Amino acid sequence: MFIALRDLRFARGRFALLGGVIALMTLMVVLLTGLTAGLGAASISAVARLPVDDIAFQQPASGQQVAFATSALPAETVGTIAGQPGVTGAYPLGVATTRLQAGESSAAVTLLGADPALYPTRQQGAAPTAGEVAITADLADEQSLRVGDRVQLGGQEVRIAAIVDTVSFNHLPVAYTPIDTWRQLSRAETITAVAITRDGGDPTAIDRAAGTATVSRDEAYDAVGGYSSEQGSLNLMRGLLLGVSVLVVGAFFTVWTMQRAGDLAVVRAIGGGRGYLLRDALGQAAVVLLAGASVGAGVAAALGVLAGQVVPFVLDAGTVGIPLVAMVAVGVLGAAVSVRRVSKVDPLTALGAAR
């Protein structure tokens, strides 16, 4: 990489400008990735933490998808599903939105009726019974609530029996309660869905027997209102930023290669192989990309720590490392396309025989 390193020292300003652009784009991609993961967790973490294999919903109308907001099943569906071959557990699920009133303050919450076996890890208290709820740790901190306090849920008084790990559903904190209490608080005669654990068995057989639409737990993420469109929009923006990165890096190295075509031809004329020139050019691109992307990812990580205090934001090795590697990879791809002309440099060009 003798030529590459010499060029980096000679044209420090131009390469610094390119590195700054790469750092800025990496900053945006990392922040957008962390925000995408954070908003996704704020939508579906309550579903993701369910220790089940499948979730059975009401059959949707033609052309529609299953959704927690529109699903309503008779309570006896649980028994029907529990009796199917391969089913080891069937639990009723109730999902509703209500308000929690604690003194003068209130907050919108998702009221989730379920068996205590499906709750997140309990931090304090005991599993709630009739007329009791378990609330998430973030809701307890926000409303200054403790085990034993009494609050209003849906206009009815209930006792806080436990505090569980922080999860959320559709960007709202969750209050867990037994399914009978859920029916009372939500004034519903039906349940929303059935959570299923299986050891073999066929989901289509379950659907034929119970008249349901069964999907895997992960596929049920799309049944949370707005999750698919939100994630699709954010991932589209990430893809566009990566595409812009390819164009920017490719355009820069195309112009740079054209400007030093004569010098490269001289190297070819004195015996430099095409492979040497390609490795040199790609090595130069990799150095610039790695330096710029590392700076951008580092700044994004620092900003992510601050962002996590005010917005849903996930900062971990995946949300920082994957965008960093992606930026370097797509940048090298763009550079490779632009410097392919290096392999076509004619040594006679340096001798004036071909121009």
Protein backbone atom coordinates (compact mmCIF):
# COMPACT_ATOMS: atom_id res chain seq x y z
CA MET A 1 0.00 0.00 0.00
CA PHE A 2 2.94 2.33 -0.63
CA ILE A 3 1.07 4.38 -3.24
CA ALA A 4 -2.14 4.44 -1.22
CA LEU A 5 -0.44 5.75 1.92
CA ARG A 6 1.51 8.33 -0.08
CA ASP A 7 -1.71 9.59 -1.64
CA LEU A 8 -3.37 9.80 1.79
CA ARG A 9 -0.55 12.05 3.02
CA PHE A 10 -0.44 14.09 -0.17
CA ALA A 11 -4.20 14.78 -0.40
CA ARG A 12 -5.03 15.00 3.29
CA GLY A 13 -7.72 17.62 2.78
CA ARG A 14 -9.70 15.69 0.20
CA PHE A 15 -9.54 12.43 2.12
CA ALA A 16 -10.42 14.23 5.37
CA LEU A 17 -13.50 15.69 3.66
CA LEU A 18 -14.54 12.24 2.42
CA GLY A 19 -13.88 10.76 5.86
CA GLY A 20 -16.06 13.46 7.42
CA VAL A 21 -18.92 12.67 5.03
CA ILE A 22 -18.61 8.96 5.82
CA ALA A 23 -18.56 9.72 9.55
CA LEU A 24 -21.72 11.82 9.24
CA MET A 25 -23.56 9.13 7.29
CA THR A 26 -22.43 6.45 9.76
CA LEU A 27 -23.64 8.67 12.59
CA MET A 28 -27.08 8.89 10.99
CA VAL A 29 -27.25 5.15 10.21
CA VAL A 30 -26.24 4.13 13.76
CA LEU A 31 -28.67 6.57 15.37
CA LEU A 32 -31.45 5.44 13.06
CA THR A 33 -30.64 1.79 13.78
CA GLY A 34 -30.77 2.36 17.54
CA LEU A 35 -34.03 4.28 17.20
CA THR A 36 -35.52 1.55 14.99
CA ALA A 37 -34.63 -1.11 17.57
CA GLY A 38 -35.89 1.08 20.42
CA LEU A 39 -39.22 1.85 18.79
CA GLY A 40 -39.61 -1.81 17.85
CA ALA A 41 -39.04 -2.90 21.44
CA ALA A 42 -41.48 -0.24 22.66
CA SER A 43 -44.11 -1.77 20.38
CA ILE A 44 -43.66 -5.50 20.87
CA SER A 45 -41.45 -6.27 23.89
CA ALA A 46 -44.47 -7.55 25.87
CA VAL A 47 -45.19 -10.04 23.07
CA ALA A 48 -41.50 -10.92 22.65
CA ARG A 49 -41.25 -11.85 26.34
CA LEU A 50 -44.17 -14.30 26.21
CA PRO A 51 -42.75 -17.82 26.80
CA VAL A 52 -44.94 -19.40 24.12
CA ASP A 53 -44.56 -20.83 20.63
CA ASP A 54 -47.70 -19.59 18.87
CA ILE A 55 -50.61 -17.21 19.30
CA ALA A 56 -54.08 -17.99 17.95
CA PHE A 57 -56.25 -15.07 16.82
CA GLN A 58 -59.74 -14.66 15.46
CA GLN A 59 -59.87 -15.42 11.75
CA PRO A 60 -59.47 -12.03 10.01
CA ALA A 61 -61.73 -10.80 7.27
CA SER A 62 -60.74 -11.57 3.70
CA GLY A 63 -57.66 -9.58 2.71
CA GLN A 64 -56.93 -8.55 6.30
CA GLN A 65 -54.20 -9.64 8.70
CA VAL A 66 -54.57 -10.85 12.27
CA ALA A 67 -54.45 -8.04 14.83
CA PHE A 68 -54.67 -7.76 18.59
CA ALA A 69 -56.94 -4.73 18.17
CA THR A 70 -59.64 -6.58 16.22
CA SER A 71 -59.38 -10.15 17.52
CA ALA A 72 -62.10 -11.54 19.81
CA LEU A 73 -62.45 -15.22 20.67
CA PRO A 74 -64.95 -17.10 22.84
CA ALA A 75 -63.46 -18.19 26.18
CA GLU A 76 -64.09 -21.88 25.37
CA THR A 77 -61.55 -21.62 22.52
CA VAL A 78 -58.84 -22.16 25.13
CA GLY A 79 -60.18 -25.61 26.01
CA THR A 80 -60.59 -26.56 22.37
CA ILE A 81 -56.98 -25.69 21.59
CA ALA A 82 -55.68 -27.34 24.77
CA GLY A 83 -57.18 -30.64 23.61
CA GLN A 84 -55.36 -30.71 20.28
CA PRO A 85 -52.47 -33.17 19.69
CA GLY A 86 -49.04 -31.72 20.51
CA VAL A 87 -50.39 -28.76 22.52
CA THR A 88 -48.77 -28.65 25.96
CA GLY A 89 -50.34 -25.41 27.13
CA ALA A 90 -53.08 -23.00 26.10
CA TYR A 91 -53.50 -19.69 27.92
CA PRO A 92 -56.12 -16.98 27.36
CA LEU A 93 -54.80 -13.54 26.46
CA GLY A 94 -56.69 -10.30 26.85
CA VAL A 95 -55.38 -7.01 25.49
CA ALA A 96 -57.02 -3.63 26.07
CA THR A 97 -55.99 0.00 26.49
CA THR A 98 -57.09 1.88 29.60
CA ARG A 99 -55.91 4.52 32.07
CA LEU A 100 -54.21 3.99 35.38
CA GLN A 101 -55.09 6.64 37.96
CA ALA A 102 -52.79 7.04 40.96
CA GLY A 103 -53.84 9.97 43.10
CA GLU A 104 -53.69 13.11 40.97
CA SER A 105 -51.59 11.55 38.20
CA SER A 106 -52.64 9.15 35.47
CA ALA A 107 -51.10 7.29 32.59
CA ALA A 108 -52.33 5.35 29.58
CA VAL A 109 -51.47 1.66 29.88
CA THR A 110 -52.02 -1.59 28.04
CA LEU A 111 -54.00 -3.92 30.27
CA LEU A 112 -52.88 -7.48 29.56
CA GLY A 113 -54.88 -10.34 31.02
CA ALA A 114 -52.92 -13.57 31.20
CA ASP A 115 -51.82 -16.45 33.37
CA PRO A 116 -48.99 -15.43 35.77
CA ALA A 117 -46.78 -18.01 34.03
CA LEU A 118 -46.66 -15.62 31.06
CA TYR A 119 -45.60 -12.52 33.02
CA PRO A 120 -42.06 -11.08 32.79
CA THR A 121 -39.64 -11.79 35.63
CA ARG A 122 -41.11 -10.62 38.90
CA GLN A 123 -38.96 -8.08 40.78
CA GLN A 124 -41.14 -7.58 43.84
CA GLY A 125 -44.34 -8.97 45.32
CA ALA A 126 -46.41 -12.05 44.52
CA ALA A 127 -48.43 -13.13 41.49
CA PRO A 128 -51.66 -11.11 41.37
CA THR A 129 -54.97 -12.75 42.15
CA ALA A 130 -58.54 -11.50 41.60
CA GLY A 131 -58.72 -7.72 41.91
CA GLU A 132 -54.93 -7.30 41.74
CA VAL A 133 -52.43 -6.27 39.07
CA ALA A 134 -48.72 -6.43 38.38
CA ILE A 135 -47.18 -3.33 36.85
CA THR A 136 -43.91 -2.83 35.06
CA ALA A 137 -40.92 -1.24 36.76
CA ASP A 138 -40.88 1.85 34.54
CA LEU A 139 -44.55 2.54 35.28
CA ALA A 140 -43.93 2.10 39.01
CA ASP A 141 -41.03 4.59 38.88
CA GLU A 142 -42.94 7.09 36.77
CA GLN A 143 -46.01 7.06 39.03
CA SER A 144 -44.09 6.50 42.32
CA LEU A 145 -45.98 3.29 43.05
CA ARG A 146 -45.09 0.38 45.32
CA VAL A 147 -46.42 -3.08 46.06
CA GLY A 148 -49.56 -2.75 48.16
CA ASP A 149 -50.66 0.61 46.72
CA ARG A 150 -54.17 0.91 45.34
CA VAL A 151 -54.87 2.51 41.98
CA GLN A 152 -57.78 3.00 39.61
CA LEU A 153 -57.78 0.95 36.39
CA GLY A 154 -60.65 1.51 34.01
CA GLY A 155 -62.51 3.31 36.77
CA GLN A 156 -62.21 0.41 39.23
CA GLU A 157 -59.92 0.13 42.22
CA VAL A 158 -57.28 -2.61 42.21
CA ARG A 159 -54.29 -3.45 44.38
CA ILE A 160 -50.71 -3.60 43.07
CA ALA A 161 -49.52 -7.11 43.93
CA ALA A 162 -46.19 -7.15 42.08
CA ILE A 163 -43.70 -5.18 40.04
CA VAL A 164 -42.24 -6.96 36.99
CA ASP A 165 -39.51 -6.23 34.45
CA THR A 166 -40.09 -3.33 32.09
CA VAL A 167 -41.89 -4.25 28.88
CA SER A 168 -44.31 -2.33 26.70
CA PHE A 169 -47.04 -2.94 24.16
CA ASN A 170 -47.76 -0.48 21.36
CA HIS A 171 -45.54 2.12 23.08
CA LEU A 172 -47.46 1.91 26.36
CA PRO A 173 -46.40 0.40 29.71
CA VAL A 174 -48.18 -2.81 30.67
CA ALA A 175 -50.34 -3.76 33.63
CA TYR A 176 -50.78 -7.53 34.01
CA THR A 177 -53.81 -9.08 35.62
CA PRO A 178 -55.56 -12.49 35.74
CA ILE A 179 -57.89 -13.01 32.81
CA ASP A 180 -61.06 -12.85 34.95
CA THR A 181 -60.01 -9.51 36.39
CA TRP A 182 -59.13 -8.36 32.86
CA ARG A 183 -62.66 -9.17 31.67
CA GLN A 184 -64.10 -7.20 34.57
CA LEU A 185 -61.86 -4.17 34.01
CA SER A 186 -62.23 -4.15 30.23
CA ARG A 187 -65.92 -5.08 30.37
CA ALA A 188 -65.43 -7.83 27.81
CA GLU A 189 -67.09 -11.22 27.53
CA THR A 190 -64.53 -12.57 25.08
CA ILE A 191 -60.75 -12.92 25.10
CA THR A 192 -58.35 -11.43 22.59
CA ALA A 193 -56.21 -14.45 21.70
CA VAL A 194 -54.81 -17.75 22.95
CA ALA A 195 -51.12 -18.24 23.74
CA ILE A 196 -49.96 -21.77 22.87
CA THR A 197 -46.99 -23.91 23.82
CA ARG A 198 -46.44 -26.98 21.65
CA ASP A 199 -44.33 -30.11 21.52
CA GLY A 200 -44.99 -30.98 17.91
CA GLY A 201 -48.49 -30.73 16.55
CA ASP A 202 -49.77 -28.84 13.54
CA PRO A 203 -51.02 -25.22 13.79
CA THR A 204 -53.30 -25.77 10.80
CA ALA A 205 -55.01 -28.60 12.68
CA ILE A 206 -55.51 -26.24 15.61
CA ASP A 207 -57.10 -23.69 13.29
CA ARG A 208 -59.43 -26.27 11.75
CA ALA A 209 -60.59 -27.42 15.18
CA ALA A 210 -60.92 -24.00 16.84
CA GLY A 211 -61.70 -21.76 13.86
CA THR A 212 -58.70 -19.58 14.62
CA ALA A 213 -55.73 -18.11 12.76
CA THR A 214 -52.56 -19.30 14.45
CA VAL A 215 -49.19 -17.61 13.88
CA SER A 216 -45.81 -17.99 15.56
CA ARG A 217 -44.96 -15.63 18.39
CA ASP A 218 -42.50 -13.72 16.20
CA GLU A 219 -45.05 -13.42 13.38
CA ALA A 220 -47.48 -12.01 15.95
CA TYR A 221 -45.33 -8.88 16.15
CA ASP A 222 -47.05 -7.70 13.00
CA ALA A 223 -50.39 -8.00 14.81
CA VAL A 224 -49.41 -5.07 17.04
CA GLY A 225 -50.93 -1.91 15.60
CA GLY A 226 -48.52 0.18 13.53
CA TYR A 227 -45.46 -2.03 14.13
CA SER A 228 -44.99 -3.17 10.52
CA SER A 229 -45.42 0.26 8.95
CA GLU A 230 -43.19 1.91 11.54
CA GLN A 231 -40.38 -0.60 11.09
CA GLY A 232 -40.79 -0.58 7.31
CA SER A 233 -40.42 3.19 7.11
CA LEU A 234 -37.35 3.29 9.34
CA ASN A 235 -35.65 0.40 7.56
CA LEU A 236 -36.32 2.08 4.21
CA MET A 237 -34.50 5.19 5.44
CA ARG A 238 -31.58 3.05 6.60
CA GLY A 239 -31.41 1.40 3.21
CA LEU A 240 -31.46 4.75 1.42
CA LEU A 241 -28.60 6.04 3.58
CA LEU A 242 -26.52 2.96 2.75
CA GLY A 243 -27.34 3.44 -0.94
CA VAL A 244 -26.23 7.07 -0.78
CA SER A 245 -23.00 5.91 0.85
CA VAL A 246 -22.26 3.64 -2.11
CA LEU A 247 -22.82 6.52 -4.54
CA VAL A 248 -20.76 9.05 -2.56
CA VAL A 249 -17.76 6.77 -2.06
CA GLY A 250 -17.98 5.43 -5.59
CA ALA A 251 -18.15 8.93 -7.11
CA PHE A 252 -15.17 10.14 -5.06
CA PHE A 253 -12.91 7.25 -6.01
CA THR A 254 -14.01 7.39 -9.64
CA VAL A 255 -12.85 11.01 -9.88
CA TRP A 256 -9.72 10.28 -7.85
CA THR A 257 -8.77 7.32 -10.08
CA MET A 258 -9.28 9.39 -13.23
CA GLN A 259 -7.06 12.17 -11.87
CA ARG A 260 -4.15 9.82 -11.18
CA ALA A 261 -4.57 7.55 -14.22
CA GLY A 262 -1.21 8.71 -15.59
CA ASP A 263 0.63 7.87 -12.38
CA LEU A 264 -0.96 4.44 -12.28
CA ALA A 265 0.02 3.84 -15.88
CA VAL A 266 3.64 4.58 -15.00
CA VAL A 267 3.49 2.00 -12.22
CA ARG A 268 2.15 -0.51 -14.73
CA ALA A 269 4.91 0.39 -17.18
CA ILE A 270 7.67 -0.33 -14.67
CA GLY A 271 6.25 -3.74 -13.82
CA GLY A 272 3.43 -3.18 -11.34
CA GLY A 273 0.74 -5.84 -11.76
CA ARG A 274 -2.97 -5.19 -12.05
CA GLY A 275 -3.58 -7.07 -8.82
CA TYR A 276 -1.13 -4.82 -6.99
CA LEU A 277 -2.90 -1.68 -8.19
CA LEU A 278 -6.33 -3.04 -7.29
CA ARG A 279 -5.21 -4.07 -3.80
CA ASP A 280 -3.60 -0.69 -3.33
CA ALA A 281 -6.72 1.21 -4.40
CA LEU A 282 -9.11 -0.92 -2.34
CA GLY A 283 -6.79 -0.77 0.67
CA GLN A 284 -6.81 3.01 0.42
CA ALA A 285 -10.62 3.03 0.32
CA ALA A 286 -10.81 0.65 3.28
CA VAL A 287 -8.53 2.85 5.41
CA VAL A 288 -10.63 5.96 4.72
CA LEU A 289 -13.90 4.12 5.24
CA LEU A 290 -12.82 2.43 8.48
CA ALA A 291 -11.48 5.67 9.94
CA GLY A 292 -14.54 7.72 9.01
CA ALA A 293 -17.06 5.06 10.02
CA SER A 294 -15.33 4.46 13.35
CA VAL A 295 -15.46 8.15 14.23
CA GLY A 296 -19.13 8.35 13.22
CA ALA A 297 -20.06 5.22 15.19
CA GLY A 298 -18.21 6.49 18.26
CA VAL A 299 -20.02 9.83 18.22
CA ALA A 300 -23.34 8.05 17.61
CA ALA A 301 -22.74 5.77 20.61
CA ALA A 302 -22.12 8.80 22.82
CA LEU A 303 -25.26 10.52 21.53
CA GLY A 304 -27.19 7.26 21.93
CA VAL A 305 -26.47 7.24 25.67
CA LEU A 306 -28.12 10.66 25.91
CA ALA A 307 -30.95 9.79 23.50
CA GLY A 308 -31.85 6.71 25.53
CA GLN A 309 -32.89 8.96 28.41
CA VAL A 310 -35.64 10.69 26.43
CA VAL A 311 -36.68 8.39 23.56
CA PRO A 312 -36.85 4.61 23.01
CA PHE A 313 -33.29 3.83 21.94
CA VAL A 314 -31.31 0.57 21.99
CA LEU A 315 -27.53 0.92 22.31
CA ASP A 316 -25.67 -2.38 22.07
CA ALA A 317 -23.08 -4.16 19.97
CA GLY A 318 -25.66 -4.95 17.29
CA THR A 319 -27.01 -1.42 16.81
CA VAL A 320 -23.47 0.02 16.61
CA GLY A 321 -21.37 -2.78 15.14
CA ILE A 322 -23.69 -3.92 12.36
CA PRO A 323 -24.16 -0.43 10.84
CA LEU A 324 -20.39 0.17 11.14
CA VAL A 325 -19.59 -3.03 9.24
CA ALA A 326 -22.36 -2.32 6.71
CA MET A 327 -21.02 1.17 5.99
CA VAL A 328 -17.49 -0.13 5.41
CA ALA A 329 -18.77 -3.00 3.27
CA VAL A 330 -20.98 -0.91 1.00
CA GLY A 331 -18.28 1.74 0.78
CA VAL A 332 -15.69 -0.82 -0.36
CA LEU A 333 -18.27 -2.10 -2.86
CA GLY A 334 -18.70 1.40 -4.26
CA ALA A 335 -14.94 1.90 -4.40
CA ALA A 336 -14.44 -1.49 -6.10
CA VAL A 337 -16.87 -0.54 -8.87
CA SER A 338 -15.16 2.80 -9.37
CA VAL A 339 -11.55 1.55 -9.40
CA ARG A 340 -12.13 -1.35 -11.77
CA ARG A 341 -10.66 0.90 -14.44
CA VAL A 342 -7.33 0.59 -12.62
CA SER A 343 -7.00 -2.96 -13.92
CA LYS A 344 -7.43 -1.63 -17.46
CA VAL A 345 -4.63 0.92 -17.31
CA ASP A 346 -2.46 0.47 -20.41
CA PRO A 347 1.29 0.74 -19.70
CA LEU A 348 1.74 2.36 -23.11
CA THR A 349 -0.24 5.32 -21.81
CA ALA A 350 2.74 6.26 -19.63
CA LEU A 351 5.05 6.05 -22.64
CA GLY A 352 2.84 8.22 -24.82
CA ALA A 353 1.88 5.41 -27.16
CA ALA A 354 -1.79 5.46 -26.28
CA ARG A 355 -3.88 8.35 -25.05
